Amino acid sequence: MSRLSIDLTPEQHQKIKAVAALQGKSIKEYVLAQILPTSSDENMALNELEMLLDERIKSARAGKISKKSVEEIFQEVYSENTK
């Protein structure tokens, strides 16, 4: 494995550390995510997830929520998938 070193001011280091922490990443994970492009499959999956969640949020805000428990929903989906 190769090592990459860069010189940073203490302020730059703290800023990178803080931004990474806010995203729940290590400094290494954050920097690699910033400098290496993600695959198109990852972008497509992320876009699909964002669209799904946006739709669900809009439905919830419009009052379209289920009265079922999580267990009831799970059982319903499980029984549909085992047919």
PDB file of N, CA and C in Angstrom:
ATOM      1  N   MET A   1       0.848  -1.170   0.000  1.00  0.00           N
ATOM      2  CA  MET A   1       0.000   0.000   0.000  1.00  0.00           C
ATOM      3  C   MET A   1       0.893   1.233   0.000  1.00  0.00           C
ATOM      4  N   SER A   2       0.514   2.228  -0.769  1.00  0.00           N
ATOM      5  CA  SER A   2       1.281   3.471  -0.851  1.00  0.00           C
ATOM      6  C   SER A   2       0.774   4.472   0.169  1.00  0.00           C
ATOM      7  N   ARG A   3       1.630   5.402   0.496  1.00  0.00           N
ATOM      8  CA  ARG A   3       1.284   6.453   1.444  1.00  0.00           C
ATOM      9  C   ARG A   3       1.385   7.794   0.739  1.00  0.00           C
ATOM     10  N   LEU A   4       0.448   8.683   1.031  1.00  0.00           N
ATOM     11  CA  LEU A   4       0.431  10.027   0.472  1.00  0.00           C
ATOM     12  C   LEU A   4       0.491  11.011   1.627  1.00  0.00           C
ATOM     13  N   SER A   5       1.427  11.941   1.566  1.00  0.00           N
ATOM     14  CA  SER A   5       1.554  12.952   2.614  1.00  0.00           C
ATOM     15  C   SER A   5       1.422  14.334   2.008  1.00  0.00           C
ATOM     16  N   ILE A   6       0.712  15.204   2.717  1.00  0.00           N
ATOM     17  CA  ILE A   6       0.623  16.601   2.295  1.00  0.00           C
ATOM     18  C   ILE A   6       0.838  17.480   3.514  1.00  0.00           C
ATOM     19  N   ASP A   7       1.391  18.653   3.280  1.00  0.00           N
ATOM     20  CA  ASP A   7       1.602  19.606   4.361  1.00  0.00           C
ATOM     21  C   ASP A   7       0.364  20.481   4.494  1.00  0.00           C
ATOM     22  N   LEU A   8      -0.147  20.582   5.718  1.00  0.00           N
ATOM     23  CA  LEU A   8      -1.316  21.399   6.013  1.00  0.00           C
ATOM     24  C   LEU A   8      -1.016  22.308   7.182  1.00  0.00           C
ATOM     25  N   THR A   9      -1.691  23.438   7.196  1.00  0.00           N
ATOM     26  CA  THR A   9      -1.610  24.281   8.386  1.00  0.00           C
ATOM     27  C   THR A   9      -2.489  23.624   9.450  1.00  0.00           C
ATOM     28  N   PRO A  10      -2.269  23.950  10.705  1.00  0.00           N
ATOM     29  CA  PRO A  10      -3.139  23.392  11.747  1.00  0.00           C
ATOM     30  C   PRO A  10      -4.620  23.733  11.506  1.00  0.00           C
ATOM     31  N   GLU A  11      -4.879  24.917  10.975  1.00  0.00           N
ATOM     32  CA  GLU A  11      -6.258  25.331  10.699  1.00  0.00           C
ATOM     33  C   GLU A  11      -6.883  24.473   9.599  1.00  0.00           C
ATOM     34  N   GLN A  12      -6.114  24.195   8.543  1.00  0.00           N
ATOM     35  CA  GLN A  12      -6.617  23.348   7.461  1.00  0.00           C
ATOM     36  C   GLN A  12      -6.915  21.943   7.975  1.00  0.00           C
ATOM     37  N   HIS A  13      -6.010  21.429   8.798  1.00  0.00           N
ATOM     38  CA  HIS A  13      -6.202  20.098   9.364  1.00  0.00           C
ATOM     39  C   HIS A  13      -7.476  20.047  10.203  1.00  0.00           C
ATOM     40  N   GLN A  14      -7.681  21.045  11.045  1.00  0.00           N
ATOM     41  CA  GLN A  14      -8.870  21.075  11.895  1.00  0.00           C
ATOM     42  C   GLN A  14     -10.153  21.185  11.074  1.00  0.00           C
ATOM     43  N   LYS A  15     -10.098  21.985  10.005  1.00  0.00           N
ATOM     44  CA  LYS A  15     -11.274  22.143   9.152  1.00  0.00           C
ATOM     45  C   LYS A  15     -11.629  20.820   8.478  1.00  0.00           C
ATOM     46  N   ILE A  16     -10.630  20.143   7.914  1.00  0.00           N
ATOM     47  CA  ILE A  16     -10.869  18.851   7.264  1.00  0.00           C
ATOM     48  C   ILE A  16     -11.380  17.840   8.289  1.00  0.00           C
ATOM     49  N   LYS A  17     -10.785  17.837   9.453  1.00  0.00           N
ATOM     50  CA  LYS A  17     -11.188  16.912  10.510  1.00  0.00           C
ATOM     51  C   LYS A  17     -12.641  17.154  10.920  1.00  0.00           C
ATOM     52  N   ALA A  18     -13.025  18.421  11.050  1.00  0.00           N
ATOM     53  CA  ALA A  18     -14.390  18.765  11.454  1.00  0.00           C
ATOM     54  C   ALA A  18     -15.408  18.382  10.382  1.00  0.00           C
ATOM     55  N   VAL A  19     -15.096  18.695   9.128  1.00  0.00           N
ATOM     56  CA  VAL A  19     -16.017  18.366   8.032  1.00  0.00           C
ATOM     57  C   VAL A  19     -16.181  16.855   7.919  1.00  0.00           C
ATOM     58  N   ALA A  20     -15.087  16.126   8.040  1.00  0.00           N
ATOM     59  CA  ALA A  20     -15.154  14.662   7.978  1.00  0.00           C
ATOM     60  C   ALA A  20     -16.015  14.119   9.118  1.00  0.00           C
ATOM     61  N   ALA A  21     -15.817  14.646  10.312  1.00  0.00           N
ATOM     62  CA  ALA A  21     -16.586  14.188  11.469  1.00  0.00           C
ATOM     63  C   ALA A  21     -18.074  14.469  11.288  1.00  0.00           C
ATOM     64  N   LEU A  22     -18.409  15.614  10.728  1.00  0.00           N
ATOM     65  CA  LEU A  22     -19.816  15.947  10.489  1.00  0.00           C
ATOM     66  C   LEU A  22     -20.476  14.966   9.525  1.00  0.00           C
ATOM     67  N   GLN A  23     -19.688  14.391   8.641  1.00  0.00           N
ATOM     68  CA  GLN A  23     -20.208  13.414   7.683  1.00  0.00           C
ATOM     69  C   GLN A  23     -20.063  11.981   8.195  1.00  0.00           C
ATOM     70  N   GLY A  24     -19.551  11.838   9.419  1.00  0.00           N
ATOM     71  CA  GLY A  24     -19.386  10.508   9.994  1.00  0.00           C
ATOM     72  C   GLY A  24     -18.276   9.707   9.349  1.00  0.00           C
ATOM     73  N   LYS A  25     -17.279  10.402   8.824  1.00  0.00           N
ATOM     74  CA  LYS A  25     -16.172   9.738   8.135  1.00  0.00           C
ATOM     75  C   LYS A  25     -14.861  10.046   8.836  1.00  0.00           C
ATOM     76  N   SER A  26     -13.880   9.201   8.589  1.00  0.00           N
ATOM     77  CA  SER A  26     -12.523   9.505   9.037  1.00  0.00           C
ATOM     78  C   SER A  26     -11.943  10.521   8.061  1.00  0.00           C
ATOM     79  N   ILE A  27     -10.843  11.138   8.426  1.00  0.00           N
ATOM     80  CA  ILE A  27     -10.192  12.082   7.514  1.00  0.00           C
ATOM     81  C   ILE A  27      -9.823  11.363   6.224  1.00  0.00           C
ATOM     82  N   LYS A  28      -9.300  10.162   6.341  1.00  0.00           N
ATOM     83  CA  LYS A  28      -8.912   9.396   5.151  1.00  0.00           C
ATOM     84  C   LYS A  28     -10.119   9.146   4.250  1.00  0.00           C
ATOM     85  N   GLU A  29     -11.224   8.684   4.831  1.00  0.00           N
ATOM     86  CA  GLU A  29     -12.429   8.418   4.037  1.00  0.00           C
ATOM     87  C   GLU A  29     -12.939   9.685   3.357  1.00  0.00           C
ATOM     88  N   TYR A  30     -12.937  10.781   4.101  1.00  0.00           N
ATOM     89  CA  TYR A  30     -13.426  12.049   3.548  1.00  0.00           C
ATOM     90  C   TYR A  30     -12.562  12.517   2.383  1.00  0.00           C
ATOM     91  N   VAL A  31     -11.247  12.518   2.576  1.00  0.00           N
ATOM     92  CA  VAL A  31     -10.335  12.995   1.528  1.00  0.00           C
ATOM     93  C   VAL A  31     -10.427  12.104   0.294  1.00  0.00           C
ATOM     94  N   LEU A  32     -10.444  10.795   0.482  1.00  0.00           N
ATOM     95  CA  LEU A  32     -10.552   9.891  -0.670  1.00  0.00           C
ATOM     96  C   LEU A  32     -11.862  10.098  -1.424  1.00  0.00           C
ATOM     97  N   ALA A  33     -12.950  10.314  -0.694  1.00  0.00           N
ATOM     98  CA  ALA A  33     -14.236  10.552  -1.351  1.00  0.00           C
ATOM     99  C   ALA A  33     -14.219  11.852  -2.151  1.00  0.00           C
ATOM    100  N   GLN A  34     -13.453  12.834  -1.680  1.00  0.00           N
ATOM    101  CA  GLN A  34     -13.391  14.120  -2.367  1.00  0.00           C
ATOM    102  C   GLN A  34     -12.514  14.077  -3.610  1.00  0.00           C
ATOM    103  N   ILE A  35     -11.444  13.290  -3.569  1.00  0.00           N
ATOM    104  CA  ILE A  35     -10.496  13.332  -4.690  1.00  0.00           C
ATOM    105  C   ILE A  35     -10.697  12.220  -5.711  1.00  0.00           C
ATOM    106  N   LEU A  36     -11.350  11.135  -5.316  1.00  0.00           N
ATOM    107  CA  LEU A  36     -11.576  10.036  -6.254  1.00  0.00           C
ATOM    108  C   LEU A  36     -13.046  10.024  -6.653  1.00  0.00           C
ATOM    109  N   PRO A  37     -13.317  10.000  -7.947  1.00  0.00           N
ATOM    110  CA  PRO A  37     -14.720  10.009  -8.373  1.00  0.00           C
ATOM    111  C   PRO A  37     -15.418   8.710  -7.989  1.00  0.00           C
ATOM    112  N   THR A  38     -16.710   8.826  -7.677  1.00  0.00           N
ATOM    113  CA  THR A  38     -17.485   7.627  -7.383  1.00  0.00           C
ATOM    114  C   THR A  38     -17.947   7.016  -8.694  1.00  0.00           C
ATOM    115  N   SER A  39     -18.252   5.761  -8.651  1.00  0.00           N
ATOM    116  CA  SER A  39     -18.687   5.077  -9.873  1.00  0.00           C
ATOM    117  C   SER A  39     -20.087   5.533 -10.258  1.00  0.00           C
ATOM    118  N   SER A  40     -20.414   5.381 -11.513  1.00  0.00           N
ATOM    119  CA  SER A  40     -21.739   5.786 -11.979  1.00  0.00           C
ATOM    120  C   SER A  40     -22.824   4.922 -11.339  1.00  0.00           C
ATOM    121  N   ASP A  41     -22.504   3.659 -11.025  1.00  0.00           N
ATOM    122  CA  ASP A  41     -23.477   2.800 -10.350  1.00  0.00           C
ATOM    123  C   ASP A  41     -23.824   3.358  -8.978  1.00  0.00           C
ATOM    124  N   GLU A  42     -22.809   3.842  -8.262  1.00  0.00           N
ATOM    125  CA  GLU A  42     -23.052   4.425  -6.947  1.00  0.00           C
ATOM    126  C   GLU A  42     -23.897   5.684  -7.075  1.00  0.00           C
ATOM    127  N   ASN A  43     -23.593   6.511  -8.065  1.00  0.00           N
ATOM    128  CA  ASN A  43     -24.371   7.730  -8.271  1.00  0.00           C
ATOM    129  C   ASN A  43     -25.815   7.407  -8.626  1.00  0.00           C
ATOM    130  N   MET A  44     -26.009   6.409  -9.481  1.00  0.00           N
ATOM    131  CA  MET A  44     -27.368   6.014  -9.855  1.00  0.00           C
ATOM    132  C   MET A  44     -28.134   5.506  -8.641  1.00  0.00           C
ATOM    133  N   ALA A  45     -27.494   4.680  -7.829  1.00  0.00           N
ATOM    134  CA  ALA A  45     -28.142   4.144  -6.634  1.00  0.00           C
ATOM    135  C   ALA A  45     -28.493   5.261  -5.664  1.00  0.00           C
ATOM    136  N   LEU A  46     -27.576   6.205  -5.494  1.00  0.00           N
ATOM    137  CA  LEU A  46     -27.832   7.330  -4.604  1.00  0.00           C
ATOM    138  C   LEU A  46     -28.982   8.180  -5.124  1.00  0.00           C
ATOM    139  N   ASN A  47     -29.015   8.447  -6.419  1.00  0.00           N
ATOM    140  CA  ASN A  47     -30.103   9.231  -7.003  1.00  0.00           C
ATOM    141  C   ASN A  47     -31.445   8.530  -6.831  1.00  0.00           C
ATOM    142  N   GLU A  48     -31.478   7.213  -7.036  1.00  0.00           N
ATOM    143  CA  GLU A  48     -32.715   6.458  -6.850  1.00  0.00           C
ATOM    144  C   GLU A  48     -33.180   6.518  -5.402  1.00  0.00           C
ATOM    145  N   LEU A  49     -32.237   6.398  -4.473  1.00  0.00           N
ATOM    146  CA  LEU A  49     -32.582   6.475  -3.058  1.00  0.00           C
ATOM    147  C   LEU A  49     -33.120   7.854  -2.714  1.00  0.00           C
ATOM    148  N   GLU A  50     -32.476   8.907  -3.213  1.00  0.00           N
ATOM    149  CA  GLU A  50     -32.939  10.268  -2.948  1.00  0.00           C
ATOM    150  C   GLU A  50     -34.348  10.491  -3.494  1.00  0.00           C
ATOM    151  N   MET A  51     -34.628   9.979  -4.697  1.00  0.00           N
ATOM    152  CA  MET A  51     -35.971  10.127  -5.269  1.00  0.00           C
ATOM    153  C   MET A  51     -37.010   9.390  -4.426  1.00  0.00           C
ATOM    154  N   LEU A  52     -36.674   8.174  -3.991  1.00  0.00           N
ATOM    155  CA  LEU A  52     -37.586   7.400  -3.161  1.00  0.00           C
ATOM    156  C   LEU A  52     -37.867   8.123  -1.847  1.00  0.00           C
ATOM    157  N   LEU A  53     -36.807   8.608  -1.207  1.00  0.00           N
ATOM    158  CA  LEU A  53     -36.983   9.281   0.074  1.00  0.00           C
ATOM    159  C   LEU A  53     -37.738  10.591  -0.080  1.00  0.00           C
ATOM    160  N   ASP A  54     -37.484  11.332  -1.163  1.00  0.00           N
ATOM    161  CA  ASP A  54     -38.227  12.572  -1.414  1.00  0.00           C
ATOM    162  C   ASP A  54     -39.719  12.284  -1.546  1.00  0.00           C
ATOM    163  N   GLU A  55     -40.045  11.218  -2.272  1.00  0.00           N
ATOM    164  CA  GLU A  55     -41.442  10.829  -2.456  1.00  0.00           C
ATOM    165  C   GLU A  55     -42.078  10.462  -1.118  1.00  0.00           C
ATOM    166  N   ARG A  56     -41.351   9.715  -0.313  1.00  0.00           N
ATOM    167  CA  ARG A  56     -41.873   9.313   1.004  1.00  0.00           C
ATOM    168  C   ARG A  56     -42.061  10.520   1.921  1.00  0.00           C
ATOM    169  N   ILE A  57     -41.122  11.455   1.881  1.00  0.00           N
ATOM    170  CA  ILE A  57     -41.222  12.658   2.712  1.00  0.00           C
ATOM    171  C   ILE A  57     -42.439  13.475   2.301  1.00  0.00           C
ATOM    172  N   LYS A  58     -42.646  13.637   0.995  1.00  0.00           N
ATOM    173  CA  LYS A  58     -43.816  14.389   0.505  1.00  0.00           C
ATOM    174  C   LYS A  58     -45.112  13.720   0.950  1.00  0.00           C
ATOM    175  N   SER A  59     -45.162  12.410   0.864  1.00  0.00           N
ATOM    176  CA  SER A  59     -46.357  11.680   1.296  1.00  0.00           C
ATOM    177  C   SER A  59     -46.608  11.876   2.790  1.00  0.00           C
ATOM    178  N   ALA A  60     -45.565  11.798   3.574  1.00  0.00           N
ATOM    179  CA  ALA A  60     -45.703  11.969   5.020  1.00  0.00           C
ATOM    180  C   ALA A  60     -46.173  13.377   5.360  1.00  0.00           C
ATOM    181  N   ARG A  61     -45.622  14.368   4.691  1.00  0.00           N
ATOM    182  CA  ARG A  61     -46.030  15.758   4.943  1.00  0.00           C
ATOM    183  C   ARG A  61     -47.473  16.004   4.523  1.00  0.00           C
ATOM    184  N   ALA A  62     -47.941  15.251   3.529  1.00  0.00           N
ATOM    185  CA  ALA A  62     -49.323  15.382   3.064  1.00  0.00           C
ATOM    186  C   ALA A  62     -50.286  14.573   3.942  1.00  0.00           C
ATOM    187  N   GLY A  63     -49.757  13.924   4.962  1.00  0.00           N
ATOM    188  CA  GLY A  63     -50.591  13.151   5.873  1.00  0.00           C
ATOM    189  C   GLY A  63     -50.880  11.741   5.414  1.00  0.00           C
ATOM    190  N   LYS A  64     -50.229  11.310   4.367  1.00  0.00           N
ATOM    191  CA  LYS A  64     -50.437   9.955   3.844  1.00  0.00           C
ATOM    192  C   LYS A  64     -49.506   8.988   4.571  1.00  0.00           C
ATOM    193  N   ILE A  65     -49.903   8.639   5.790  1.00  0.00           N
ATOM    194  CA  ILE A  65     -49.082   7.731   6.584  1.00  0.00           C
ATOM    195  C   ILE A  65     -49.900   6.499   6.953  1.00  0.00           C
ATOM    196  N   SER A  66     -49.227   5.413   7.161  1.00  0.00           N
ATOM    197  CA  SER A  66     -49.877   4.152   7.479  1.00  0.00           C
ATOM    198  C   SER A  66     -50.192   4.088   8.968  1.00  0.00           C
ATOM    199  N   LYS A  67     -51.310   3.470   9.278  1.00  0.00           N
ATOM    200  CA  LYS A  67     -51.691   3.251  10.681  1.00  0.00           C
ATOM    201  C   LYS A  67     -51.163   1.905  11.179  1.00  0.00           C
ATOM    202  N   LYS A  68     -50.513   1.162  10.284  1.00  0.00           N
ATOM    203  CA  LYS A  68     -49.991  -0.156  10.636  1.00  0.00           C
ATOM    204  C   LYS A  68     -48.687  -0.023  11.419  1.00  0.00           C
ATOM    205  N   SER A  69     -48.423  -1.033  12.231  1.00  0.00           N
ATOM    206  CA  SER A  69     -47.148  -1.076  12.941  1.00  0.00           C
ATOM    207  C   SER A  69     -46.066  -1.573  11.988  1.00  0.00           C
ATOM    208  N   VAL A  70     -44.831  -1.380  12.368  1.00  0.00           N
ATOM    209  CA  VAL A  70     -43.717  -1.865  11.562  1.00  0.00           C
ATOM    210  C   VAL A  70     -43.811  -3.383  11.423  1.00  0.00           C
ATOM    211  N   GLU A  71     -44.187  -4.047  12.487  1.00  0.00           N
ATOM    212  CA  GLU A  71     -44.322  -5.508  12.457  1.00  0.00           C
ATOM    213  C   GLU A  71     -45.394  -5.935  11.457  1.00  0.00           C
ATOM    214  N   GLU A  72     -46.525  -5.229  11.437  1.00  0.00           N
ATOM    215  CA  GLU A  72     -47.596  -5.562  10.487  1.00  0.00           C
ATOM    216  C   GLU A  72     -47.134  -5.368   9.042  1.00  0.00           C
ATOM    217  N   ILE A  73     -46.440  -4.285   8.793  1.00  0.00           N
ATOM    218  CA  ILE A  73     -45.927  -4.019   7.444  1.00  0.00           C
ATOM    219  C   ILE A  73     -44.928  -5.094   7.047  1.00  0.00           C
ATOM    220  N   PHE A  74     -44.035  -5.446   7.968  1.00  0.00           N
ATOM    221  CA  PHE A  74     -43.047  -6.492   7.690  1.00  0.00           C
ATOM    222  C   PHE A  74     -43.735  -7.807   7.341  1.00  0.00           C
ATOM    223  N   GLN A  75     -44.719  -8.192   8.155  1.00  0.00           N
ATOM    224  CA  GLN A  75     -45.426  -9.450   7.908  1.00  0.00           C
ATOM    225  C   GLN A  75     -46.146  -9.431   6.560  1.00  0.00           C
ATOM    226  N   GLU A  76     -46.739  -8.297   6.213  1.00  0.00           N
ATOM    227  CA  GLU A  76     -47.443  -8.160   4.937  1.00  0.00           C
ATOM    228  C   GLU A  76     -46.480  -8.327   3.759  1.00  0.00           C
ATOM    229  N   VAL A  77     -45.359  -7.641   3.825  1.00  0.00           N
ATOM    230  CA  VAL A  77     -44.369  -7.726   2.750  1.00  0.00           C
ATOM    231  C   VAL A  77     -43.775  -9.125   2.689  1.00  0.00           C
ATOM    232  N   TYR A  78     -43.485  -9.688   3.844  1.00  0.00           N
ATOM    233  CA  TYR A  78     -42.907 -11.034   3.896  1.00  0.00           C
ATOM    234  C   TYR A  78     -43.850 -12.057   3.272  1.00  0.00           C
ATOM    235  N   SER A  79     -45.143 -11.969   3.613  1.00  0.00           N
ATOM    236  CA  SER A  79     -46.099 -12.941   3.064  1.00  0.00           C
ATOM    237  C   SER A  79     -46.279 -12.753   1.562  1.00  0.00           C
ATOM    238  N   GLU A  80     -46.197 -11.517   1.066  1.00  0.00           N
ATOM    239  CA  GLU A  80     -46.284 -11.270  -0.378  1.00  0.00           C
ATOM    240  C   GLU A  80     -45.084 -11.871  -1.110  1.00  0.00           C
ATOM    241  N   ASN A  81     -43.924 -11.802  -0.489  1.00  0.00           N
ATOM    242  CA  ASN A  81     -42.703 -12.292  -1.133  1.00  0.00           C
ATOM    243  C   ASN A  81     -42.532 -13.801  -1.032  1.00  0.00           C
ATOM    244  N   THR A  82     -43.277 -14.451  -0.160  1.00  0.00           N
ATOM    245  CA  THR A  82     -43.140 -15.904  -0.013  1.00  0.00           C
ATOM    246  C   THR A  82     -44.207 -16.665  -0.786  1.00  0.00           C
ATOM    247  N   LYS A  83     -45.039 -15.959  -1.526  1.00  0.00           N
ATOM    248  CA  LYS A  83     -46.087 -16.622  -2.329  1.00  0.00           C
ATOM    249  C   LYS A  83     -45.491 -17.315  -3.515  1.00  0.00           C
TER     250      LYS A  83
END
